[in-house]
Every structure is written in C-alpha cells, then in structure tokens.
C-alpha cells in the first residue's frame, strides 16, 4: 500500500513540474511577435483557408509557429490537450479527416492509416490491410462501416489469399454500387528470394456480408533498362475520403548508382509514366506526363480531383510553376498553364499543391538559391490561390507584423515560413 502511495505521489509531483514548465514556456512565448496573413488582392475567403507554418528567431532559439488570417499561434501556445493531439497532426491535417475526427471521434479511434478512407452521403468506410506477426505472415482486410443516417456501425474481416506476406497495406478505398474496392500494395515473402516486386491488387468485397467477390492484379507492361528498377506510387484524391472511380499509378524508372560506401546512392530518373485504373471498368490507360529528360526523381506532383488529374511541375531555374489538367473519362486535356513568381509579385516560388480545382502557391520575396535569409530584406512571405482551369489569380496575400510597437522589418527578417497548407 505504501509503495502505491509513493508511486502516486511521484506521478503527481512530475505532473505538477511538467505543468509549471509548460506554464513558464507559455508565458515566455507571450513576448513573441504576432503575425497575420492579410489580403493584397482577390477574395478574402480564399485566404481564410490558408495556413503558413515555419519558425521565428535564429537557429538556436527558433520557435515554430503557424500564421493565418486570424493571426499567429506559436507551438507552445497550444493547450496541453492540443499538444497531445498534435502528435497525430500528420493524420488530422489531411483534408477530409479533420471533419471525421470532429463529427465521428468514436469511429476514428484506433485508426492510423491515411489512405483507407471513403465517405459519401450515406456511408463512412475505413479498410486496412493487416499482416500477422510470427512465422505465419498471413494477411487480412479489416473494414469498418458507419451508416451516416442511422448511426449504426458494422465490421468484417476477410482473409487474403493464402501465402506469406512481407507487407500489405491499403492504398485506396472506393465504393462502386454495392461492391467495395480496396486497392492493396503487397509483397510476397519467399525463402531464398530477395527484392520480390511489389504488386497491386484490387480486392472486391460484397458490402452486405464482406465476402470476397474478386481480386484483380494490376499489370504493367514495361521493359526496364538493364540495371534500373520501377518505383510505383499511387495517386489518389486530394481529399482523403473523396469518392472517385479512378486511381492513378505513377511509375518511375530509376537507375540507382552507389557513389561510395559512405555516400548515399545517386538516383537518376530515366522515364516516368502515368497510368489510370478504373474501378468500374477495370480499364487501364496511359496518360500524358510532364516528365522531361533530365528531371530529378519526384519533381512532378500529381493529384486527383474527382476524375480530373492535375500535374504540377516546378522549375526552380526558371522560377516557374507549370501544370496540366486531364479529364480521365474523356482523356481530354482541360488546361496546360504556367505562372512565374514575378507574375505573382514575388521573386521565387516555394511549395505548391493542387486540390478542389485550386492551385496553392507559397511565394518568397528573395531567391532561395542565394545564401541569404528568406526574409533578408524584411519583405513579407506571400501566398496565392489560382483557378486550376484558367490560371486566374483568386487570392494573393502577404504576412505582416501586426504589433505597432515593434519594427516590422526587423521581425520579418527573423520569420521563415516554408510550408503552406489548406485548413478545413
């Protein structure tokens, strides 16, 4: 009994010390300067959806912060509960998943994958491929369903074909009629065989009873250059839960060259293909790619918006961002556009992404390839929102220091914002 009391006392003391430390850290951060994203042109509602993140201060004393149209929040200004939740921010920040956490917290509990979600007006579904431990290395599909009208939940588990699995994980989940399609990336575990290829299988389940109706292995007809390998990545909806009839597979032919024992291997991109797969028709079609000979691996960023594929290709040398939009149903190219930092009132283009028919761009006042601070001249970081189909600027905003008692130029020199996200 005494040991229990002693342990409880220690825990309470540690909690008290932690709380005091958190309080003093919070109090010290109250002296940090406030910043805000303000509208330069366009619709302020577009800017209200933006979130710029980075640090304030020098290398030794930098403080992480987020800047929005409402102001700035430093990391230590979060409540203790928010700090705990922030450990899963990589999951919660994805468009679509924030809403699920708020509206269906019980359903989301214990689910960690970001690629196993589907939601429409009637159903919310989560499916996960699980490989058992030990020597058996068998795999199964676990699916949880929530009826959004009745609030009733159901669950079923389906064993995958009998073999040993090195790994298996869910890439995409879609519903076609009463058939649930779960796209799984998997690799067979076989004694004496190293580096077996990853295969992609569309498992089709009966939604009513969870039975396995069909399985379709996606085949890629590509003869690689001797010594090269294929690296496949799956391009799904920008919204983690959005319905779509298609999924895109980005296939990169990469040559890996080991420079020396102590230097990381060099990767050379030889070719890149985009292939669409339709869940309803099983049809696979090759799509046009923005790949250019000499491109570094992963230069082109592809996202899916319904049945429209958006491909972004930043060109650092030309300070230019180009993109295309392709209708997967008709194969028609809807747009082929480009924009420079100068056209958007900046010297350099930072990160960019596409979602919901919008192109989001982070902009810097100085060139990033010079050995100076991003804010060396005390000029503000900017953000822009463009219409993906026309290239029209819907919004342009800049980050400003809002404390009149401080030197705006001095504070902006210490502010480095290197990430742009869209908040829901």
Protein backbone atom coordinates (compact mmCIF):
# COMPACT_ATOMS: atom_id res chain seq x y z
CA UNK A 1 0.00 0.00 0.00
CA UNK A 2 2.85 2.37 0.89
CA UNK A 3 4.54 1.65 -2.43
CA UNK A 4 1.33 2.56 -4.23
CA UNK A 5 1.02 5.84 -2.33
CA UNK A 6 4.67 6.63 -3.01
CA UNK A 7 4.29 5.95 -6.74
CA UNK A 8 1.16 8.10 -6.86
CA UNK A 9 2.98 10.95 -5.11
CA UNK A 10 5.86 10.77 -7.59
CA UNK A 11 3.45 10.86 -10.54
CA UNK A 12 1.62 13.87 -9.11
CA UNK A 13 4.90 15.70 -8.50
CA UNK A 14 6.11 15.03 -12.03
CA UNK A 15 2.79 16.21 -13.44
CA UNK A 16 2.99 19.41 -11.35
CA UNK A 17 6.55 20.10 -12.52
CA UNK A 18 5.55 19.47 -16.11
CA UNK A 19 2.58 21.80 -15.78
CA UNK A 20 4.73 24.57 -14.28
CA UNK A 21 7.33 24.14 -17.02
CA UNK A 22 4.63 24.29 -19.64
CA UNK A 23 3.18 27.42 -18.00
CA UNK A 24 6.51 29.27 -17.93
CA UNK A 25 7.25 28.30 -21.51
CA UNK A 26 3.84 29.60 -22.47
CA UNK A 27 4.38 32.81 -20.52
CA UNK A 28 7.74 33.45 -22.18
CA UNK A 29 6.17 32.95 -25.60
CA UNK A 30 3.67 35.70 -24.90
CA UNK A 31 6.52 38.12 -25.68
CA UNK A 32 6.94 36.70 -29.16
CA UNK A 33 5.75 38.96 -32.01
CA UNK A 34 2.35 38.40 -33.63
CA UNK A 35 1.98 37.99 -37.39
CA UNK A 36 -1.01 37.81 -39.70
CA UNK A 37 -1.85 36.94 -43.29
CA UNK A 38 -3.57 39.92 -44.92
CA UNK A 39 -5.26 40.24 -48.31
CA UNK A 40 -3.43 42.03 -51.12
CA UNK A 41 -5.97 41.20 -53.81
CA UNK A 42 -8.82 38.83 -54.50
CA UNK A 43 -11.38 37.03 -52.36
CA UNK A 44 -10.52 37.11 -48.65
CA UNK A 45 -12.46 33.85 -48.16
CA UNK A 46 -9.83 32.04 -50.23
CA UNK A 47 -7.13 33.37 -47.93
CA UNK A 48 -9.06 32.31 -44.83
CA UNK A 49 -8.45 28.68 -45.80
CA UNK A 50 -4.67 29.08 -45.82
CA UNK A 51 -2.16 28.15 -43.13
CA UNK A 52 1.53 29.06 -43.36
CA UNK A 53 3.96 27.38 -40.98
CA UNK A 54 7.62 27.82 -40.13
CA UNK A 55 9.83 29.32 -37.43
CA UNK A 56 10.63 32.66 -35.82
CA UNK A 57 14.07 33.55 -34.48
CA UNK A 58 17.63 32.38 -35.05
CA UNK A 59 18.84 28.82 -35.38
CA UNK A 60 19.48 28.39 -31.66
CA UNK A 61 16.24 29.94 -30.42
CA UNK A 62 13.76 29.40 -33.22
CA UNK A 63 10.09 28.95 -32.27
CA UNK A 64 7.69 27.01 -34.51
CA UNK A 65 4.52 28.87 -35.43
CA UNK A 66 1.50 28.92 -37.73
CA UNK A 67 0.21 32.08 -39.43
CA UNK A 68 -3.34 32.51 -40.76
CA UNK A 69 -5.70 35.38 -41.50
CA UNK A 70 -6.68 35.24 -37.83
CA UNK A 71 -3.14 35.79 -36.58
CA UNK A 72 -0.25 33.63 -35.40
CA UNK A 73 -0.02 30.77 -32.92
CA UNK A 74 3.29 29.57 -31.53
CA UNK A 75 3.67 25.89 -30.78
CA UNK A 76 3.88 26.34 -27.00
CA UNK A 77 0.72 28.43 -27.01
CA UNK A 78 -1.30 25.30 -27.66
CA UNK A 79 -3.15 23.84 -24.72
CA UNK A 80 -1.79 20.64 -23.22
CA UNK A 81 -4.61 18.68 -24.87
CA UNK A 82 -3.84 20.23 -28.26
CA UNK A 83 -0.16 19.40 -27.87
CA UNK A 84 -1.03 15.76 -27.26
CA UNK A 85 -3.34 15.67 -30.28
CA UNK A 86 -0.66 17.37 -32.38
CA UNK A 87 1.41 14.19 -32.18
CA UNK A 88 -1.04 12.83 -34.79
CA UNK A 89 -1.23 16.10 -36.78
CA UNK A 90 0.13 14.37 -39.88
CA UNK A 91 -3.12 12.44 -39.88
CA UNK A 92 -5.51 15.12 -38.67
CA UNK A 93 -4.31 17.80 -41.11
CA UNK A 94 -5.33 15.86 -44.19
CA UNK A 95 -8.39 17.33 -45.90
CA UNK A 96 -11.42 15.24 -45.02
CA UNK A 97 -10.01 13.60 -41.89
CA UNK A 98 -10.34 16.67 -39.69
CA UNK A 99 -14.08 16.60 -40.22
CA UNK A 100 -14.27 12.91 -39.33
CA UNK A 101 -12.41 13.50 -36.08
CA UNK A 102 -14.83 16.26 -35.15
CA UNK A 103 -18.06 14.59 -36.24
CA UNK A 104 -17.26 10.89 -35.62
CA UNK A 105 -14.48 10.72 -33.00
CA UNK A 106 -15.52 7.26 -31.78
CA UNK A 107 -15.37 5.81 -35.29
CA UNK A 108 -11.90 7.29 -35.86
CA UNK A 109 -10.46 5.92 -32.63
CA UNK A 110 -7.60 3.48 -33.18
CA UNK A 111 -7.32 4.13 -36.94
CA UNK A 112 -3.92 5.35 -38.04
CA UNK A 113 -3.74 4.94 -41.82
CA UNK A 114 -4.44 7.94 -44.03
CA UNK A 115 -5.22 6.02 -47.22
CA UNK A 116 -8.01 3.65 -46.18
CA UNK A 117 -10.96 6.06 -46.04
CA UNK A 118 -14.11 6.51 -48.11
CA UNK A 119 -17.14 8.73 -47.48
CA UNK A 120 -20.28 9.65 -49.38
CA UNK A 121 -23.67 10.97 -48.30
CA UNK A 122 -24.70 7.62 -46.81
CA UNK A 123 -21.60 5.76 -45.65
CA UNK A 124 -18.24 6.24 -43.99
CA UNK A 125 -15.82 3.35 -44.54
CA UNK A 126 -12.34 2.52 -43.30
CA UNK A 127 -10.42 -0.51 -44.59
CA UNK A 128 -6.99 -1.65 -43.50
CA UNK A 129 -4.71 -4.45 -44.69
CA UNK A 130 -3.12 -6.20 -41.70
CA UNK A 131 -0.23 -8.70 -41.73
CA UNK A 132 0.01 -11.05 -38.77
CA UNK A 133 3.24 -11.40 -36.84
CA UNK A 134 5.20 -14.52 -36.16
CA UNK A 135 6.07 -17.12 -38.76
CA UNK A 136 2.67 -17.36 -40.43
CA UNK A 137 2.79 -13.87 -42.00
CA UNK A 138 -0.78 -14.19 -43.22
CA UNK A 139 -2.81 -11.11 -44.15
CA UNK A 140 -6.41 -9.96 -43.88
CA UNK A 141 -8.59 -6.98 -44.71
CA UNK A 142 -10.41 -5.32 -41.81
CA UNK A 143 -13.26 -3.00 -42.78
CA UNK A 144 -15.36 -0.74 -40.55
CA UNK A 145 -18.60 0.79 -41.85
CA UNK A 146 -20.69 3.61 -40.40
CA UNK A 147 -24.21 4.26 -41.68
CA UNK A 148 -24.38 8.07 -41.57
CA UNK A 149 -28.18 8.11 -41.45
CA UNK A 150 -28.83 5.52 -38.74
CA UNK A 151 -25.52 5.82 -36.90
CA UNK A 152 -25.13 2.04 -36.90
CA UNK A 153 -21.67 0.52 -37.32
CA UNK A 154 -20.60 -2.85 -38.67
CA UNK A 155 -17.31 -4.62 -39.17
CA UNK A 156 -15.99 -7.55 -41.14
CA UNK A 157 -12.63 -9.20 -41.62
CA UNK A 158 -11.61 -11.00 -44.82
CA UNK A 159 -8.52 -13.24 -45.07
CA UNK A 160 -6.34 -12.54 -48.10
CA UNK A 161 -5.11 -15.37 -50.36
CA UNK A 162 -3.04 -17.99 -48.54
CA UNK A 163 0.61 -17.01 -48.81
CA UNK A 164 3.28 -15.42 -46.65
CA UNK A 165 3.35 -11.64 -46.87
CA UNK A 166 6.37 -9.41 -46.43
CA UNK A 167 3.93 -6.50 -46.19
CA UNK A 168 0.46 -5.43 -47.29
CA UNK A 169 -1.10 -2.01 -46.91
CA UNK A 170 -4.16 -0.20 -48.21
CA UNK A 171 -3.59 2.40 -50.93
CA UNK A 172 -7.18 3.36 -51.77
CA UNK A 173 -10.79 2.50 -50.91
CA UNK A 174 -13.75 3.12 -53.23
CA UNK A 175 -17.38 2.03 -53.47
CA UNK A 176 -18.95 1.07 -56.80
CA UNK A 177 -22.61 0.19 -56.32
CA UNK A 178 -22.68 -2.40 -53.54
CA UNK A 179 -19.10 -3.51 -54.18
CA UNK A 180 -16.25 -2.28 -52.02
CA UNK A 181 -12.91 -1.94 -53.83
CA UNK A 182 -9.77 -1.99 -51.69
CA UNK A 183 -6.51 -1.40 -53.56
CA UNK A 184 -3.67 -3.11 -51.70
CA UNK A 185 0.09 -2.89 -52.26
CA UNK A 186 1.62 -6.20 -51.21
CA UNK A 187 4.79 -8.20 -51.47
CA UNK A 188 5.21 -11.92 -51.10
CA UNK A 189 7.64 -13.33 -48.55
CA UNK A 190 9.51 -16.26 -50.01
CA UNK A 191 12.56 -18.04 -48.64
CA UNK A 192 15.66 -17.54 -50.75
CA UNK A 193 14.09 -14.75 -52.82
CA UNK A 194 15.15 -11.20 -52.15
CA UNK A 195 13.64 -7.99 -53.53
CA UNK A 196 10.48 -9.52 -54.94
CA UNK A 197 8.37 -6.88 -56.72
CA UNK A 198 5.51 -5.09 -55.03
CA UNK A 199 2.22 -5.97 -56.68
CA UNK A 200 -1.02 -4.02 -56.63
CA UNK A 201 -4.28 -5.90 -56.23
CA UNK A 202 -7.85 -4.58 -56.34
CA UNK A 203 -9.81 -6.69 -53.85
CA UNK A 204 -13.57 -6.54 -54.49
CA UNK A 205 -15.82 -7.24 -51.49
CA UNK A 206 -19.56 -7.65 -51.15
CA UNK A 207 -20.61 -4.74 -48.95
CA UNK A 208 -23.54 -6.59 -47.41
CA UNK A 209 -21.66 -9.56 -45.96
CA UNK A 210 -17.98 -8.76 -46.52
CA UNK A 211 -17.33 -11.77 -48.73
CA UNK A 212 -14.50 -11.61 -51.26
CA UNK A 213 -16.03 -11.44 -54.75
CA UNK A 214 -12.98 -10.90 -56.92
CA UNK A 215 -9.35 -9.88 -56.93
CA UNK A 216 -7.70 -8.11 -59.84
CA UNK A 217 -3.94 -7.81 -60.15
CA UNK A 218 -2.86 -4.64 -61.93
CA UNK A 219 -0.35 -5.47 -64.68
CA UNK A 220 2.29 -3.10 -66.08
CA UNK A 221 3.84 -3.82 -69.45
CA UNK A 222 7.18 -2.06 -69.22
CA UNK A 223 10.60 -3.34 -70.22
CA UNK A 224 13.13 -1.62 -67.98
CA UNK A 225 16.66 -0.58 -68.82
CA UNK A 226 19.22 -3.13 -67.55
CA UNK A 227 20.20 -2.19 -64.02
CA UNK A 228 17.16 0.04 -63.50
CA UNK A 229 14.10 -0.62 -61.33
CA UNK A 230 10.49 0.50 -61.29
CA UNK A 231 9.20 2.51 -58.37
CA UNK A 232 5.42 2.83 -58.22
CA UNK A 233 3.46 5.37 -56.22
CA UNK A 234 -0.31 5.66 -56.04
CA UNK A 235 -2.01 8.99 -56.73
CA UNK A 236 -5.40 9.31 -55.06
CA UNK A 237 -7.83 12.11 -54.25
CA UNK A 238 -6.52 15.24 -52.53
CA UNK A 239 -9.44 14.75 -50.13
CA UNK A 240 -8.58 11.61 -48.16
CA UNK A 241 -12.21 10.41 -48.10
CA UNK A 242 -13.49 11.54 -51.50
CA UNK A 243 -15.23 9.11 -53.89
CA UNK A 244 -13.57 8.51 -57.26
CA UNK A 245 -13.93 5.92 -59.99
CA UNK A 246 -10.23 6.05 -60.83
CA UNK A 247 -6.83 5.82 -59.23
CA UNK A 248 -3.53 6.88 -60.81
CA UNK A 249 -0.29 4.95 -60.64
CA UNK A 250 2.91 6.92 -61.17
CA UNK A 251 5.61 4.56 -62.47
CA UNK A 252 9.19 5.82 -62.31
CA UNK A 253 12.09 4.01 -63.98
CA UNK A 254 15.05 4.80 -61.76
CA UNK A 255 18.73 3.94 -62.03
CA UNK A 256 20.49 3.78 -58.68
CA UNK A 257 24.23 4.37 -58.57
CA UNK A 258 26.26 3.82 -55.40
CA UNK A 259 28.95 6.51 -55.30
CA UNK A 260 30.89 5.11 -52.36
CA UNK A 261 30.39 3.24 -49.12
CA UNK A 262 29.91 6.44 -47.13
CA UNK A 263 27.91 8.44 -49.68
CA UNK A 264 24.22 7.97 -50.34
CA UNK A 265 23.29 6.43 -53.66
CA UNK A 266 22.53 8.73 -56.58
CA UNK A 267 19.12 8.33 -58.19
CA UNK A 268 18.62 9.06 -61.87
CA UNK A 269 15.12 9.23 -63.33
CA UNK A 270 15.16 7.59 -66.76
CA UNK A 271 11.47 7.74 -67.56
CA UNK A 272 8.08 8.25 -65.98
CA UNK A 273 4.60 7.05 -66.90
CA UNK A 274 1.16 7.76 -65.53
CA UNK A 275 -1.45 5.01 -65.74
CA UNK A 276 -5.10 5.30 -64.71
CA UNK A 277 -7.14 2.36 -63.42
CA UNK A 278 -10.93 2.45 -63.43
CA UNK A 279 -12.66 0.54 -60.62
CA UNK A 280 -15.90 0.24 -62.56
CA UNK A 281 -14.48 -0.97 -65.89
CA UNK A 282 -11.07 -2.47 -64.90
CA UNK A 283 -9.61 -0.44 -67.78
CA UNK A 284 -6.02 0.80 -67.58
CA UNK A 285 -4.93 3.77 -69.73
CA UNK A 286 -1.61 5.57 -70.10
CA UNK A 287 -1.84 9.34 -69.55
CA UNK A 288 0.36 12.22 -70.70
CA UNK A 289 3.11 13.13 -68.23
CA UNK A 290 5.00 16.35 -67.52
CA UNK A 291 8.23 14.35 -67.29
CA UNK A 292 11.19 15.87 -69.14
CA UNK A 293 14.54 14.15 -69.76
CA UNK A 294 16.99 15.22 -67.06
CA UNK A 295 14.30 15.71 -64.41
CA UNK A 296 15.18 14.79 -60.87
CA UNK A 297 13.10 11.99 -59.31
CA UNK A 298 9.76 13.11 -57.89
CA UNK A 299 9.87 16.55 -59.47
CA UNK A 300 6.32 16.28 -60.83
CA UNK A 301 3.49 16.22 -58.28
CA UNK A 302 0.26 14.55 -59.35
CA UNK A 303 -3.09 14.84 -57.57
CA UNK A 304 -6.57 13.58 -58.35
CA UNK A 305 -9.69 15.74 -58.08
CA UNK A 306 -12.72 13.61 -58.92
CA UNK A 307 -11.95 12.33 -62.41
CA UNK A 308 -9.53 15.14 -63.18
CA UNK A 309 -5.77 14.65 -62.86
CA UNK A 310 -3.69 17.70 -62.00
CA UNK A 311 0.07 17.53 -62.58
CA UNK A 312 2.35 20.22 -61.10
CA UNK A 313 5.94 20.72 -62.23
CA UNK A 314 8.00 23.42 -60.50
CA UNK A 315 11.04 24.73 -62.41
CA UNK A 316 13.41 26.33 -59.93
CA UNK A 317 15.82 27.63 -62.58
CA UNK A 318 13.10 29.46 -64.46
CA UNK A 319 11.21 30.47 -61.29
CA UNK A 320 8.14 28.94 -62.89
CA UNK A 321 5.32 26.59 -61.99
CA UNK A 322 3.57 24.73 -64.81
CA UNK A 323 0.60 22.42 -64.61
CA UNK A 324 -1.80 20.38 -66.70
CA UNK A 325 -5.36 19.18 -66.06
CA UNK A 326 -6.62 15.99 -67.74
CA UNK A 327 -10.14 14.56 -67.74
CA UNK A 328 -9.75 10.84 -67.09
CA UNK A 329 -13.17 9.99 -68.53
CA UNK A 330 -12.63 11.58 -71.93
CA UNK A 331 -8.83 11.78 -72.00
CA UNK A 332 -9.14 15.46 -72.92
CA UNK A 333 -6.61 17.93 -71.60
CA UNK A 334 -8.55 20.67 -69.83
CA UNK A 335 -5.64 23.03 -69.17
CA UNK A 336 -1.92 23.49 -69.78
CA UNK A 337 -0.74 26.59 -67.94
CA UNK A 338 2.23 28.17 -66.19
CA UNK A 339 2.98 31.08 -63.90
CA UNK A 340 6.15 32.77 -62.66
CA UNK A 341 6.91 34.25 -59.27
CA UNK A 342 7.29 37.66 -60.87
CA UNK A 343 3.76 37.47 -62.27
CA UNK A 344 2.53 36.89 -58.71
CA UNK A 345 4.56 39.78 -57.27
CA UNK A 346 7.42 37.72 -55.83
CA UNK A 347 10.98 36.67 -56.63
CA UNK A 348 10.69 32.95 -56.05
CA UNK A 349 8.11 30.18 -55.90
CA UNK A 350 8.19 27.89 -52.88
CA UNK A 351 5.94 24.93 -52.20
CA UNK A 352 2.75 24.36 -54.20
CA UNK A 353 -0.11 21.90 -54.33
CA UNK A 354 -3.46 21.37 -56.06
CA UNK A 355 -6.84 20.46 -54.56
CA UNK A 356 -10.51 21.16 -55.36
CA UNK A 357 -9.77 22.97 -58.62
CA UNK A 358 -7.31 25.34 -56.97
CA UNK A 359 -3.53 25.79 -57.22
CA UNK A 360 -1.97 26.94 -53.93
CA UNK A 361 1.44 28.63 -54.10
CA UNK A 362 3.88 29.87 -51.44
CA UNK A 363 5.90 32.89 -52.60
CA UNK A 364 9.16 34.42 -51.40
CA UNK A 365 10.49 37.97 -51.78
CA UNK A 366 14.07 36.80 -52.50
CA UNK A 367 15.60 33.99 -54.50
CA UNK A 368 16.04 30.83 -52.42
CA UNK A 369 19.23 29.72 -54.15
CA UNK A 370 21.26 32.61 -52.71
CA UNK A 371 22.97 32.25 -49.31
CA UNK A 372 20.71 34.72 -47.54
CA UNK A 373 17.72 34.56 -45.22
CA UNK A 374 14.37 34.10 -46.89
CA UNK A 375 13.44 37.43 -45.31
CA UNK A 376 16.81 39.17 -45.66
CA UNK A 377 15.28 42.44 -46.78
CA UNK A 378 12.45 42.34 -44.26
CA UNK A 379 9.94 41.75 -47.04
CA UNK A 380 6.91 39.52 -46.41
CA UNK A 381 6.33 35.97 -47.48
CA UNK A 382 3.27 35.73 -49.71
CA UNK A 383 0.67 33.13 -50.69
CA UNK A 384 -1.52 32.89 -53.77
CA UNK A 385 -4.55 30.87 -54.87
CA UNK A 386 -5.18 30.33 -58.58
CA UNK A 387 -8.01 28.76 -60.51
CA UNK A 388 -6.58 25.49 -61.86
CA UNK A 389 -8.52 25.59 -65.15
CA UNK A 390 -7.93 29.23 -66.12
CA UNK A 391 -4.89 30.34 -64.13
CA UNK A 392 -6.80 33.34 -62.81
CA UNK A 393 -5.49 34.70 -59.50
CA UNK A 394 -8.30 34.24 -56.98
CA UNK A 395 -6.33 35.48 -53.99
CA UNK A 396 -2.97 36.94 -53.09
CA UNK A 397 -1.93 37.73 -49.54
CA UNK A 398 1.15 38.64 -47.53
CA UNK A 399 2.33 38.00 -43.99
CA UNK A 400 2.78 41.15 -41.89
CA UNK A 401 3.93 42.00 -38.38
CA UNK A 402 0.91 43.40 -36.54
CA UNK A 403 2.48 44.79 -33.35
CA UNK A 404 2.87 48.60 -33.87
CA UNK A 405 5.43 48.75 -31.05
CA UNK A 406 7.84 46.50 -32.93
CA UNK A 407 9.91 47.07 -36.04
CA UNK A 408 8.08 45.20 -38.79
CA UNK A 409 11.24 44.95 -40.90
CA UNK A 410 13.26 43.52 -38.00
CA UNK A 411 10.62 40.94 -37.10
CA UNK A 412 10.08 39.81 -40.70
CA UNK A 413 13.82 39.20 -41.09
CA UNK A 414 13.58 36.58 -38.34
CA UNK A 415 10.48 34.91 -39.77
CA UNK A 416 10.93 31.89 -42.05
CA UNK A 417 7.78 30.31 -43.42
CA UNK A 418 8.42 27.26 -45.56
CA UNK A 419 5.13 25.33 -45.59
CA UNK A 420 1.72 26.12 -47.00
CA UNK A 421 -1.37 24.06 -46.15
CA UNK A 422 -5.09 24.39 -46.61
CA UNK A 423 -7.06 24.16 -43.38
CA UNK A 424 -10.60 22.88 -43.32
